[in-house]
Protein backbone atom coordinates (compact mmCIF):
# COMPACT_ATOMS: atom_id res chain seq x y z
CA MET A 1 8.80 -60.25 39.18
CA LEU A 2 5.93 -59.05 37.03
CA THR A 3 8.27 -56.27 35.41
CA PRO A 4 10.02 -57.02 32.25
CA ILE A 5 13.61 -57.44 33.00
CA ASP A 6 16.34 -55.94 30.72
CA LEU A 7 19.05 -58.47 30.64
CA THR A 8 22.82 -57.01 30.77
CA ASP A 9 25.07 -57.99 28.03
CA ALA A 10 26.65 -60.46 30.28
CA GLN A 11 23.55 -62.21 31.02
CA ALA A 12 22.48 -62.36 27.40
CA SER A 13 25.96 -63.70 26.25
CA SER A 14 26.05 -66.38 28.98
CA LEU A 15 25.40 -70.07 28.40
CA LEU A 16 21.72 -69.71 29.70
CA GLY A 17 21.22 -66.48 27.81
CA ARG A 18 22.19 -68.16 24.64
CA THR A 19 20.14 -71.18 25.24
CA SER A 20 16.70 -71.39 23.42
CA PRO A 21 13.95 -70.06 25.79
CA LEU A 22 11.89 -73.14 24.76
CA VAL A 23 14.55 -75.47 26.24
CA LYS A 24 14.58 -73.60 29.48
CA LEU A 25 10.77 -73.39 29.71
CA GLY A 26 10.58 -77.23 28.98
CA LEU A 27 13.08 -77.90 31.59
CA ALA A 28 11.32 -75.58 34.04
CA ILE A 29 7.98 -77.54 33.44
CA THR A 30 9.57 -80.95 33.66
CA TRP A 31 11.18 -79.93 36.97
CA LEU A 32 7.84 -78.59 38.34
CA ILE A 33 6.31 -82.02 37.38
CA GLY A 34 8.99 -83.99 38.99
CA LEU A 35 8.65 -81.94 42.10
CA ALA A 36 5.18 -82.80 42.47
CA LEU A 37 6.25 -86.60 42.72
CA ILE A 38 8.84 -85.84 45.50
CA GLN A 39 7.43 -85.83 49.10
CA ALA A 40 10.87 -85.37 50.93
CA PRO A 41 12.25 -82.00 51.59
CA GLY A 42 15.77 -83.00 50.58
CA PRO A 43 15.56 -83.25 46.75
CA PRO A 44 13.59 -80.08 46.20
CA LEU A 45 16.11 -78.13 48.15
CA LEU A 46 18.94 -79.73 46.10
CA LEU A 47 17.00 -78.59 42.88
CA ALA A 48 16.61 -75.14 44.35
CA GLY A 49 20.53 -74.90 45.19
CA LEU A 50 21.24 -76.07 41.63
CA ALA A 51 18.96 -73.61 40.09
CA VAL A 52 20.43 -70.66 41.90
CA ALA A 53 24.07 -71.79 41.33
CA ALA A 54 23.44 -72.33 37.65
CA GLY A 55 21.81 -68.71 37.54
CA VAL A 56 24.69 -67.10 39.15
CA SER A 57 27.63 -69.29 37.32
CA VAL A 58 26.40 -69.99 33.83
CA GLY A 59 23.70 -67.46 33.61
CA ARG A 60 25.85 -64.65 35.07
CA VAL A 61 22.94 -63.30 37.07
CA PRO A 62 24.09 -60.60 39.61
CA PRO A 63 23.43 -62.21 43.16
CA ARG A 64 22.10 -59.15 44.30
CA ASN A 65 19.49 -58.82 41.47
CA LEU A 66 18.50 -62.57 41.93
CA ALA A 67 18.13 -62.14 45.63
CA ARG A 68 15.94 -59.14 45.27
CA GLY A 69 13.81 -60.82 42.88
CA LEU A 70 13.33 -63.84 44.96
CA ALA A 71 12.97 -62.44 48.26
CA PRO A 72 9.11 -61.64 48.16
CA LEU A 73 8.45 -65.20 46.73
CA VAL A 74 10.58 -66.71 49.45
CA VAL A 75 8.65 -64.85 52.17
CA ALA A 76 5.47 -66.05 50.36
CA ALA A 77 6.86 -69.55 50.63
CA ALA A 78 7.62 -69.23 54.36
CA SER A 79 4.11 -67.91 55.16
CA ILE A 80 2.51 -70.95 53.36
CA ALA A 81 4.77 -73.34 55.27
CA ILE A 82 3.89 -71.53 58.80
CA ALA A 83 0.21 -71.71 57.82
CA ASN A 84 0.35 -75.39 57.14
CA LEU A 85 2.50 -76.00 60.24
CA LEU A 86 -0.01 -74.26 62.60
CA TRP A 87 -3.51 -75.17 60.98
CA SER A 88 -2.46 -78.69 59.84
CA ALA A 89 -5.20 -81.52 60.41
CA ALA A 90 -2.37 -83.53 62.02
CA ASN A 91 -2.16 -81.16 64.99
CA THR A 92 -5.66 -82.27 66.07
CA ASP A 93 -4.88 -86.01 65.85
CA PRO A 94 -4.27 -87.25 69.52
CA ALA A 95 -2.13 -90.21 67.94
CA ALA A 96 0.31 -87.87 66.34
CA THR A 97 3.56 -87.20 68.16
CA GLU A 98 3.73 -83.80 69.74
CA LEU A 99 6.69 -81.61 69.26
CA ALA A 100 5.85 -78.33 71.00
CA ARG A 101 2.95 -76.08 71.95
CA LEU A 102 2.81 -72.51 70.91
CA GLY A 103 -0.18 -70.79 72.98
CA PRO A 104 -3.19 -72.46 71.66
CA PHE A 105 -1.44 -74.25 68.83
CA ARG A 106 -0.22 -77.77 69.20
CA ILE A 107 2.60 -78.78 66.85
CA THR A 108 3.18 -82.34 65.87
CA ARG A 109 5.96 -84.04 63.99
CA GLU A 110 3.67 -85.18 61.09
CA ALA A 111 2.59 -81.46 60.63
CA ALA A 112 6.23 -80.39 60.58
CA GLU A 113 7.20 -83.03 58.08
CA VAL A 114 4.43 -81.87 55.70
CA ALA A 115 5.22 -78.23 56.30
CA SER A 116 8.95 -78.74 55.43
CA ALA A 117 8.27 -80.70 52.36
CA LEU A 118 5.77 -78.18 51.18
CA ALA A 119 8.04 -75.29 51.78
CA ALA A 120 11.05 -77.08 50.06
CA ARG A 121 8.89 -77.69 46.91
CA VAL A 122 7.78 -74.03 46.82
CA LEU A 123 11.25 -72.80 47.33
CA ALA A 124 12.48 -74.99 44.48
CA ILE A 125 9.60 -73.58 42.06
CA VAL A 126 10.44 -70.06 43.17
CA ALA A 127 14.19 -70.74 42.38
CA VAL A 128 13.47 -72.20 39.03
CA GLY A 129 11.02 -69.42 37.96
CA GLY A 130 13.38 -66.74 39.10
CA VAL A 131 16.33 -68.01 37.25
CA PHE A 132 14.40 -68.27 34.19
CA ALA A 133 12.96 -64.79 34.47
CA GLN A 134 16.52 -63.44 35.06
CA THR A 135 17.99 -65.20 32.17
CA THR A 136 15.17 -64.88 29.35
CA GLU A 137 14.20 -61.74 27.60
CA PRO A 138 10.53 -61.59 27.06
CA THR A 139 10.88 -60.64 23.24
CA ARG A 140 13.42 -63.64 22.75
CA LEU A 141 10.81 -65.90 24.40
CA VAL A 142 8.17 -64.95 22.12
CA ASP A 143 10.49 -65.21 19.08
CA ALA A 144 11.22 -68.76 20.03
CA LEU A 145 7.79 -69.72 20.40
CA VAL A 146 6.78 -68.26 16.97
CA GLN A 147 9.98 -69.62 15.18
CA GLN A 148 10.55 -72.92 16.96
CA ALA A 149 7.24 -73.80 18.61
CA ARG A 150 5.08 -72.53 15.66
CA VAL A 151 2.86 -70.44 18.03
CA PRO A 152 0.52 -68.11 16.18
CA GLU A 153 1.85 -64.67 15.86
CA ARG A 154 -1.23 -62.99 16.98
CA PHE A 155 -1.43 -64.80 20.22
CA ALA A 156 2.38 -64.51 21.06
CA PHE A 157 3.02 -61.06 20.28
CA GLY A 158 -0.43 -60.23 21.93
CA ALA A 159 0.79 -61.95 25.16
CA LEU A 160 4.05 -60.10 24.96
CA ALA A 161 2.29 -56.65 24.73
CA ALA A 162 0.06 -57.46 27.49
CA TYR A 163 3.19 -58.71 29.50
CA GLN A 164 5.01 -55.43 28.91
CA ALA A 165 1.92 -53.25 29.69
CA VAL A 166 1.97 -54.31 33.45
CA PRO A 167 4.52 -51.59 34.48
CA GLY A 168 2.43 -48.95 32.54
CA LEU A 169 -0.59 -50.02 34.56
CA ALA A 170 1.38 -49.28 37.67
CA GLU A 171 2.29 -46.02 36.40
CA ASP A 172 -1.09 -45.07 35.55
CA LEU A 173 -2.40 -46.18 39.05
CA LEU A 174 0.26 -43.69 40.54
CA THR A 175 -0.85 -40.85 38.30
CA LEU A 176 -4.42 -41.33 39.24
CA ARG A 177 -3.64 -41.46 42.92
CA GLN A 178 -1.71 -38.20 42.63
CA ALA A 179 -4.39 -36.48 40.74
CA ARG A 180 -6.55 -37.24 43.60
CA ARG A 181 -4.50 -35.86 46.19
CA VAL A 182 -4.12 -32.59 44.01
CA ARG A 183 -7.97 -32.40 44.45
CA GLY A 184 -7.59 -32.89 48.07
CA LEU A 185 -8.83 -36.51 48.13
CA ARG A 186 -6.74 -39.11 49.87
CA GLY A 187 -6.93 -42.96 50.29
CA TRP A 188 -8.23 -45.73 48.39
CA HIS A 189 -11.36 -45.47 46.45
CA PRO A 190 -12.99 -47.82 44.05
CA ARG A 191 -13.19 -44.97 41.30
CA LEU A 192 -9.51 -45.56 40.82
CA LEU A 193 -10.29 -48.78 39.19
CA VAL A 194 -12.63 -47.19 36.81
CA GLY A 195 -9.97 -44.59 35.72
CA LEU A 196 -7.42 -47.31 35.46
CA LEU A 197 -9.68 -49.37 33.27
CA VAL A 198 -10.27 -46.28 31.01
CA ARG A 199 -6.64 -45.78 30.65
CA ALA A 200 -6.04 -49.61 29.93
CA ILE A 201 -8.58 -49.36 27.10
CA ARG A 202 -7.00 -46.28 25.69
CA HIS A 203 -3.58 -47.91 25.70
CA ALA A 204 -4.86 -51.13 23.98
CA ASP A 205 -6.55 -49.02 21.37
CA GLN A 206 -3.31 -47.21 20.61
CA LEU A 207 -1.44 -50.44 20.33
CA ALA A 208 -4.01 -51.90 18.07
CA LEU A 209 -3.64 -48.96 15.90
CA ALA A 210 0.13 -49.31 15.88
CA MET A 211 0.00 -53.03 14.93
CA ASP A 212 -2.46 -52.37 12.08
CA ALA A 213 -0.31 -49.54 10.80
CA ARG A 214 2.60 -51.96 10.51
CA ALA A 215 0.28 -54.65 8.60
CA PHE A 216 0.56 -57.00 11.44
CA GLY A 217 -1.14 -60.13 10.63
CA SER A 218 -1.64 -59.25 6.99
CA GLY A 219 0.53 -62.02 5.75
CA PRO A 220 4.03 -63.75 5.95
CA ARG A 221 6.62 -61.71 7.84
CA SER A 222 10.20 -61.72 7.82
CA THR A 223 12.27 -62.38 10.87
CA PHE A 224 14.40 -59.65 12.52
CA ARG A 225 15.90 -61.91 15.36
CA PRO A 226 16.29 -65.59 13.87
CA ILE A 227 16.86 -68.25 16.51
CA SER A 228 18.09 -71.53 15.80
CA TRP A 229 19.17 -74.64 17.81
CA GLY A 230 22.64 -74.99 18.80
CA TRP A 231 24.84 -76.75 21.43
CA PRO A 232 23.90 -74.66 24.32
CA ASP A 233 20.48 -76.06 23.97
CA PHE A 234 21.67 -79.71 24.09
CA ALA A 235 24.01 -78.99 26.94
CA VAL A 236 21.65 -77.25 29.04
CA GLY A 237 18.85 -79.84 28.37
CA ILE A 238 20.95 -82.92 29.26
CA VAL A 239 22.48 -81.25 32.32
CA GLY A 240 18.85 -80.10 33.50
CA ALA A 241 17.33 -83.54 33.10
CA GLY A 242 20.40 -85.27 34.64
CA ALA A 243 19.92 -82.95 37.58
CA LEU A 244 16.13 -83.80 37.91
CA GLY A 245 17.00 -87.66 37.62
CA LEU A 246 19.62 -87.31 40.48
CA ALA A 247 16.97 -85.61 42.65
CA LEU A 248 14.38 -88.14 41.86
CA ALA A 249 16.97 -90.92 42.57
CA ILE A 250 17.88 -89.45 45.90
């Protein structure tokens, strides 16, 4: 999920692909705030299903790609739910209703209700974040922040450069480990972090020189990819707000 995603032509031309990233980001934040107000597991699961359905239908995200991106996060959500189910404080309450015993663990109904509600909220957050990442190009998001939200260019494009440098750090770490194997050294060693830090500083220095060579930050700049508000923004915003209102009403 940390790797920048290259959208296909179908994804870029879809309704969600043509929607302003600010609208999708605002909806995602609004949904997260709404999820914090919901205690029952039903409404978050409804929102998660709506998010996935919207990503596959109007976002034209291949189901396999969406499943591959969400799988690690779903496993993390399940582990959080299991941890809260087993080590909940309600399990030690004698007045709580006991459902089952798993070895030394006592499972109560109150703990199961809290764990299921927490798992449902985490799944909804994972679904919203996954669909947002699979339908939003990082460069378009930064362009929207600069043009529509008036975010300073230095901050926006600096964040984009840092985000796109994540895969490079993974490749550098692989190169350093392979170099250690050539010298007969195997396994993990803290010196790898030192080498990774040195390579990161070198990449940052090269990036700074490239931006200075292009006179970045020296004055007003023209726009290569103009972004304007359109009917997809209003349609997606209204439908997204209505879905959240329906979930809160339920």
